[in-house]
Structures are given as structure tokens and as C-alpha cells.
N, C-alpha and C. Protein backbone atom coordinates (compact mmCIF):
# COMPACT_ATOMS: atom_id res chain seq x y z
N ARG A 1 110.12 102.17 114.01
CA ARG A 1 109.01 101.45 114.59
C ARG A 1 107.71 102.01 114.02
N VAL A 2 106.81 101.11 113.65
CA VAL A 2 105.49 101.47 113.14
C VAL A 2 104.48 100.97 114.16
N CYS A 3 103.58 101.85 114.58
CA CYS A 3 102.59 101.48 115.60
C CYS A 3 101.19 101.51 115.00
N TRP A 4 100.39 100.52 115.38
CA TRP A 4 98.98 100.42 114.96
C TRP A 4 98.14 100.72 116.20
N TYR A 5 97.24 101.68 116.07
CA TYR A 5 96.40 102.10 117.19
C TYR A 5 94.95 101.69 116.96
N ASP A 6 94.28 101.27 118.03
CA ASP A 6 92.84 101.11 118.05
C ASP A 6 92.33 102.06 119.12
N LEU A 7 91.91 103.23 118.68
CA LEU A 7 91.54 104.29 119.62
C LEU A 7 90.24 104.00 120.35
N ASP A 8 89.47 103.00 119.89
CA ASP A 8 88.28 102.61 120.63
C ASP A 8 88.63 101.83 121.89
N LEU A 9 89.81 101.18 121.88
CA LEU A 9 90.22 100.38 123.03
C LEU A 9 91.10 101.14 124.00
N SER A 10 92.10 101.87 123.46
CA SER A 10 93.08 102.49 124.33
C SER A 10 93.84 103.57 123.57
N ASP A 11 94.53 104.42 124.30
CA ASP A 11 95.39 105.42 123.66
C ASP A 11 96.82 104.88 123.50
N ARG A 12 97.03 103.63 123.88
CA ARG A 12 98.33 102.97 123.69
C ARG A 12 98.29 102.17 122.40
N PRO A 13 99.45 101.91 121.79
CA PRO A 13 99.46 101.15 120.53
C PRO A 13 98.92 99.74 120.72
N TYR A 14 98.09 99.30 119.76
CA TYR A 14 97.60 97.92 119.76
C TYR A 14 98.75 96.99 119.40
N LYS A 15 99.54 97.39 118.41
CA LYS A 15 100.67 96.58 117.96
C LYS A 15 101.80 97.50 117.55
N SER A 16 103.00 97.17 117.98
CA SER A 16 104.20 97.92 117.62
C SER A 16 105.10 97.00 116.81
N MET A 17 105.41 97.41 115.58
CA MET A 17 106.18 96.57 114.67
C MET A 17 107.58 97.14 114.52
N LYS A 18 108.57 96.36 114.89
CA LYS A 18 109.97 96.80 114.86
C LYS A 18 110.72 96.04 113.77
N TYR A 19 110.39 96.31 112.52
CA TYR A 19 111.01 95.61 111.40
C TYR A 19 112.16 96.41 110.77
N HIS A 20 112.21 97.70 111.00
CA HIS A 20 113.24 98.54 110.40
C HIS A 20 114.41 98.72 111.35
N GLU A 21 115.60 98.85 110.77
CA GLU A 21 116.81 99.06 111.57
C GLU A 21 117.06 100.54 111.84
N LYS A 22 116.49 101.41 111.00
CA LYS A 22 116.68 102.86 111.17
C LYS A 22 115.32 103.55 111.17
N ALA A 23 115.34 104.87 111.10
CA ALA A 23 114.12 105.67 111.23
C ALA A 23 113.13 105.41 110.09
N VAL A 24 111.85 105.40 110.43
CA VAL A 24 110.78 105.29 109.44
C VAL A 24 110.47 106.68 108.92
N ARG A 25 110.48 106.85 107.60
CA ARG A 25 110.25 108.15 106.97
C ARG A 25 108.82 108.35 106.53
N GLN A 26 108.15 107.27 106.12
CA GLN A 26 106.80 107.42 105.55
C GLN A 26 106.03 106.13 105.73
N VAL A 27 104.72 106.27 105.92
CA VAL A 27 103.80 105.13 105.91
C VAL A 27 102.70 105.48 104.92
N GLY A 28 102.43 104.55 103.99
CA GLY A 28 101.41 104.79 102.97
C GLY A 28 100.35 103.71 103.03
N PHE A 29 99.11 104.10 102.74
CA PHE A 29 97.97 103.18 102.76
C PHE A 29 97.33 103.15 101.38
N HIS A 30 96.92 101.96 100.95
CA HIS A 30 96.23 101.84 99.67
C HIS A 30 94.76 102.20 99.87
N SER A 31 94.19 102.91 98.89
CA SER A 31 92.80 103.37 99.03
C SER A 31 91.78 102.27 98.74
N ARG A 32 92.19 101.21 98.02
CA ARG A 32 91.25 100.17 97.63
C ARG A 32 91.52 98.80 98.26
N TYR A 33 92.77 98.48 98.45
CA TYR A 33 93.16 97.17 98.98
C TYR A 33 93.61 97.29 100.44
N PRO A 34 93.54 96.20 101.19
CA PRO A 34 93.97 96.26 102.61
C PRO A 34 95.50 96.17 102.74
N LEU A 35 96.19 97.10 102.11
CA LEU A 35 97.65 97.12 102.11
C LEU A 35 98.16 98.42 102.70
N PHE A 36 99.29 98.32 103.40
CA PHE A 36 100.02 99.52 103.79
C PHE A 36 101.50 99.22 103.76
N ALA A 37 102.30 100.26 103.67
CA ALA A 37 103.75 100.10 103.53
C ALA A 37 104.46 101.11 104.41
N SER A 38 105.67 100.75 104.82
CA SER A 38 106.51 101.68 105.58
C SER A 38 107.86 101.80 104.87
N ALA A 39 108.36 103.03 104.80
CA ALA A 39 109.63 103.34 104.15
C ALA A 39 110.61 103.83 105.20
N SER A 40 111.86 103.39 105.09
CA SER A 40 112.82 103.66 106.15
C SER A 40 114.18 104.08 105.60
N ASP A 41 114.98 104.66 106.50
CA ASP A 41 116.34 105.05 106.17
C ASP A 41 117.27 103.87 105.99
N ASP A 42 116.84 102.66 106.33
CA ASP A 42 117.68 101.49 106.09
C ASP A 42 117.61 101.04 104.63
N GLY A 43 116.84 101.77 103.79
CA GLY A 43 116.74 101.47 102.37
C GLY A 43 115.67 100.46 102.03
N LYS A 44 114.89 100.04 103.03
CA LYS A 44 113.88 99.01 102.81
C LYS A 44 112.48 99.58 102.80
N LEU A 45 111.66 98.91 102.03
CA LEU A 45 110.24 99.20 101.94
C LEU A 45 109.53 97.94 102.40
N LEU A 46 108.71 98.02 103.44
CA LEU A 46 108.00 96.86 103.97
C LEU A 46 106.53 96.95 103.63
N LEU A 47 105.99 95.87 103.08
CA LEU A 47 104.58 95.82 102.72
C LEU A 47 103.83 94.94 103.72
N PHE A 48 102.66 95.40 104.12
CA PHE A 48 101.83 94.69 105.10
C PHE A 48 100.41 94.55 104.57
N HIS A 49 99.74 93.48 105.00
CA HIS A 49 98.31 93.32 104.80
C HIS A 49 97.68 93.65 106.14
N GLY A 50 96.81 94.65 106.16
CA GLY A 50 96.17 95.06 107.41
C GLY A 50 94.67 95.13 107.23
N LYS A 51 93.95 94.41 108.07
CA LYS A 51 92.50 94.37 107.94
C LYS A 51 91.84 94.57 109.29
N VAL A 52 90.86 95.44 109.32
CA VAL A 52 90.06 95.67 110.52
C VAL A 52 88.68 95.10 110.26
N PHE A 53 88.19 94.29 111.19
CA PHE A 53 86.91 93.62 111.02
C PHE A 53 85.80 94.49 111.62
N GLU A 54 84.61 94.35 111.04
CA GLU A 54 83.46 95.11 111.55
C GLU A 54 83.00 94.57 112.90
N ASP A 55 83.27 93.30 113.15
CA ASP A 55 82.97 92.70 114.44
C ASP A 55 83.98 93.24 115.45
N LEU A 56 83.54 93.99 116.42
CA LEU A 56 84.45 94.64 117.36
C LEU A 56 85.15 93.66 118.30
N LEU A 57 84.68 92.42 118.34
CA LEU A 57 85.32 91.42 119.20
C LEU A 57 86.52 90.76 118.53
N THR A 58 86.63 90.91 117.21
CA THR A 58 87.74 90.31 116.47
C THR A 58 88.88 91.32 116.36
N ASN A 59 90.07 90.88 116.71
CA ASN A 59 91.24 91.77 116.64
C ASN A 59 91.63 92.04 115.20
N PRO A 60 92.23 93.20 114.94
CA PRO A 60 92.72 93.49 113.59
C PRO A 60 93.78 92.47 113.16
N MET A 61 93.85 92.23 111.86
CA MET A 61 94.83 91.29 111.32
C MET A 61 95.91 92.09 110.60
N ILE A 62 97.15 91.94 111.05
CA ILE A 62 98.29 92.63 110.45
C ILE A 62 99.33 91.57 110.10
N VAL A 63 99.61 91.42 108.80
CA VAL A 63 100.52 90.38 108.34
C VAL A 63 101.61 91.01 107.47
N PRO A 64 102.89 90.82 107.81
CA PRO A 64 103.95 91.28 106.91
C PRO A 64 103.91 90.47 105.61
N VAL A 65 103.98 91.15 104.48
CA VAL A 65 103.87 90.49 103.18
C VAL A 65 105.22 90.38 102.50
N LYS A 66 105.97 91.49 102.44
CA LYS A 66 107.21 91.49 101.67
C LYS A 66 108.15 92.56 102.17
N VAL A 67 109.44 92.26 102.12
CA VAL A 67 110.50 93.23 102.40
C VAL A 67 111.21 93.50 101.08
N ILE A 68 111.22 94.76 100.66
CA ILE A 68 111.86 95.15 99.40
C ILE A 68 113.07 96.02 99.72
N SER A 69 114.23 95.61 99.24
CA SER A 69 115.42 96.47 99.35
C SER A 69 115.32 97.48 98.20
N ALA A 70 114.70 98.59 98.48
CA ALA A 70 114.29 99.52 97.43
C ALA A 70 115.40 100.47 96.99
N HIS A 71 116.15 101.03 97.93
CA HIS A 71 117.14 102.05 97.60
C HIS A 71 118.41 101.86 98.43
N LYS A 72 119.52 102.36 97.91
CA LYS A 72 120.78 102.35 98.65
C LYS A 72 120.82 103.59 99.54
N PRO A 73 121.10 103.43 100.82
CA PRO A 73 121.20 104.60 101.69
C PRO A 73 122.37 105.51 101.28
N VAL A 74 122.10 106.81 101.33
CA VAL A 74 123.10 107.83 101.01
C VAL A 74 123.16 108.81 102.17
N GLU A 75 124.30 108.91 102.82
CA GLU A 75 124.50 109.81 103.95
C GLU A 75 123.44 109.61 105.04
N GLY A 76 123.11 108.37 105.31
CA GLY A 76 122.17 108.05 106.38
C GLY A 76 120.71 108.10 106.00
N LEU A 77 120.41 108.45 104.75
CA LEU A 77 119.02 108.52 104.30
C LEU A 77 118.77 107.41 103.29
N GLY A 78 117.62 106.76 103.38
CA GLY A 78 117.28 105.66 102.48
C GLY A 78 116.07 105.97 101.64
N VAL A 79 114.96 105.29 101.93
CA VAL A 79 113.69 105.53 101.22
C VAL A 79 113.04 106.74 101.87
N LEU A 80 112.76 107.76 101.07
CA LEU A 80 112.21 109.01 101.61
C LEU A 80 110.69 109.08 101.55
N ASP A 81 110.09 108.42 100.57
CA ASP A 81 108.64 108.50 100.42
C ASP A 81 108.13 107.25 99.71
N CYS A 82 106.88 106.93 99.96
CA CYS A 82 106.22 105.83 99.24
C CYS A 82 104.75 106.17 99.09
N THR A 83 104.19 105.74 97.97
CA THR A 83 102.76 105.94 97.73
C THR A 83 102.25 104.83 96.82
N PHE A 84 101.00 104.43 97.05
CA PHE A 84 100.40 103.38 96.25
C PHE A 84 99.71 103.96 95.03
N HIS A 85 99.64 103.15 93.97
CA HIS A 85 98.86 103.49 92.78
C HIS A 85 97.39 103.51 93.21
N PRO A 86 96.57 104.41 92.66
CA PRO A 86 95.19 104.51 93.13
C PRO A 86 94.30 103.31 92.84
N THR A 87 94.58 102.55 91.77
CA THR A 87 93.69 101.43 91.44
C THR A 87 94.37 100.07 91.41
N GLN A 88 95.68 100.03 91.28
CA GLN A 88 96.42 98.77 91.21
C GLN A 88 97.21 98.55 92.51
N PRO A 89 97.56 97.30 92.81
CA PRO A 89 98.37 97.04 94.01
C PRO A 89 99.86 97.28 93.76
N TRP A 90 100.19 98.42 93.18
CA TRP A 90 101.57 98.81 92.87
C TRP A 90 102.00 99.89 93.85
N ILE A 91 103.30 99.96 94.12
CA ILE A 91 103.81 100.99 95.02
C ILE A 91 104.99 101.70 94.37
N PHE A 92 105.03 103.01 94.53
CA PHE A 92 106.12 103.85 94.06
C PHE A 92 106.95 104.25 95.28
N SER A 93 108.26 104.34 95.09
CA SER A 93 109.12 104.82 96.17
C SER A 93 110.15 105.79 95.61
N SER A 94 110.55 106.72 96.44
CA SER A 94 111.64 107.64 96.07
C SER A 94 112.69 107.56 97.16
N GLY A 95 113.95 107.67 96.73
CA GLY A 95 115.03 107.48 97.68
C GLY A 95 116.08 108.57 97.62
N ALA A 96 116.96 108.55 98.60
CA ALA A 96 118.05 109.51 98.67
C ALA A 96 119.09 109.24 97.58
N ASP A 97 119.00 108.07 96.93
CA ASP A 97 119.92 107.77 95.83
C ASP A 97 119.46 108.40 94.51
N LYS A 98 118.51 109.36 94.60
CA LYS A 98 118.01 110.14 93.47
C LYS A 98 117.28 109.28 92.44
N SER A 99 116.52 108.32 92.91
CA SER A 99 115.76 107.47 91.99
C SER A 99 114.34 107.30 92.49
N ILE A 100 113.44 107.07 91.53
CA ILE A 100 112.05 106.75 91.82
C ILE A 100 111.80 105.38 91.23
N LYS A 101 111.21 104.48 92.01
CA LYS A 101 111.01 103.11 91.55
C LYS A 101 109.56 102.70 91.69
N LEU A 102 109.13 101.83 90.76
CA LEU A 102 107.80 101.25 90.78
C LEU A 102 107.95 99.76 91.03
N PHE A 103 107.19 99.25 92.02
CA PHE A 103 107.18 97.82 92.32
C PHE A 103 105.78 97.29 92.08
N CYS A 104 105.69 96.27 91.19
CA CYS A 104 104.38 95.68 90.83
C CYS A 104 104.20 94.34 91.50
């Protein structure tokens, strides 16, 4: 489960996203684009578009973009880490299957 918090409103999650079947290992945010990703032991990498508006009356926009079957789970472990390229909308992932992958 990945939770999005708005600490100006409450200490409870604004939105809880239950897209993974197993434990979430990593969440990565892009430094330039409104993208974030979650990596899980189910072998999937989920990409989201997340935008917070400067107008405090408008709720944040969180949209699932893509589900990538990135790695084969090995002994209960799937995608171990994910990170975005600093300038391009590319994501790297590493998995328990001893591989590193780039998704463009």
C-alpha cells in the first residue's frame, strides 16, 4: 500500500493506493516531472502522475499511468529499488532476479 499525505489537512493519509499484491519496497519521485513510482515484491513497478496545486482549495491529482511487470520474483522478493533519470522521464529498476532494467 502506498499512502499520499497532506500534512496541512490531517495526519491521516489523503489517499491510500492498494495496487500491489505484496509488500512495497521503494517509492521514487522524479525531480523534474510530476511522476512517482512504487516498486513491490510482486515484481511490478507502478508509475503515477501526481500533481499538487498551489491553490489550497484544489485537491491533489493522482493518476495511475502504467503497470510494468519489471522483474520475476525470487524467493518472495521482486523489485528491490527504483530511481528516475535526473533529466528524462526514464526509470531504472533493480530486482531480486539479479538484473537492472531501464524503462523509457
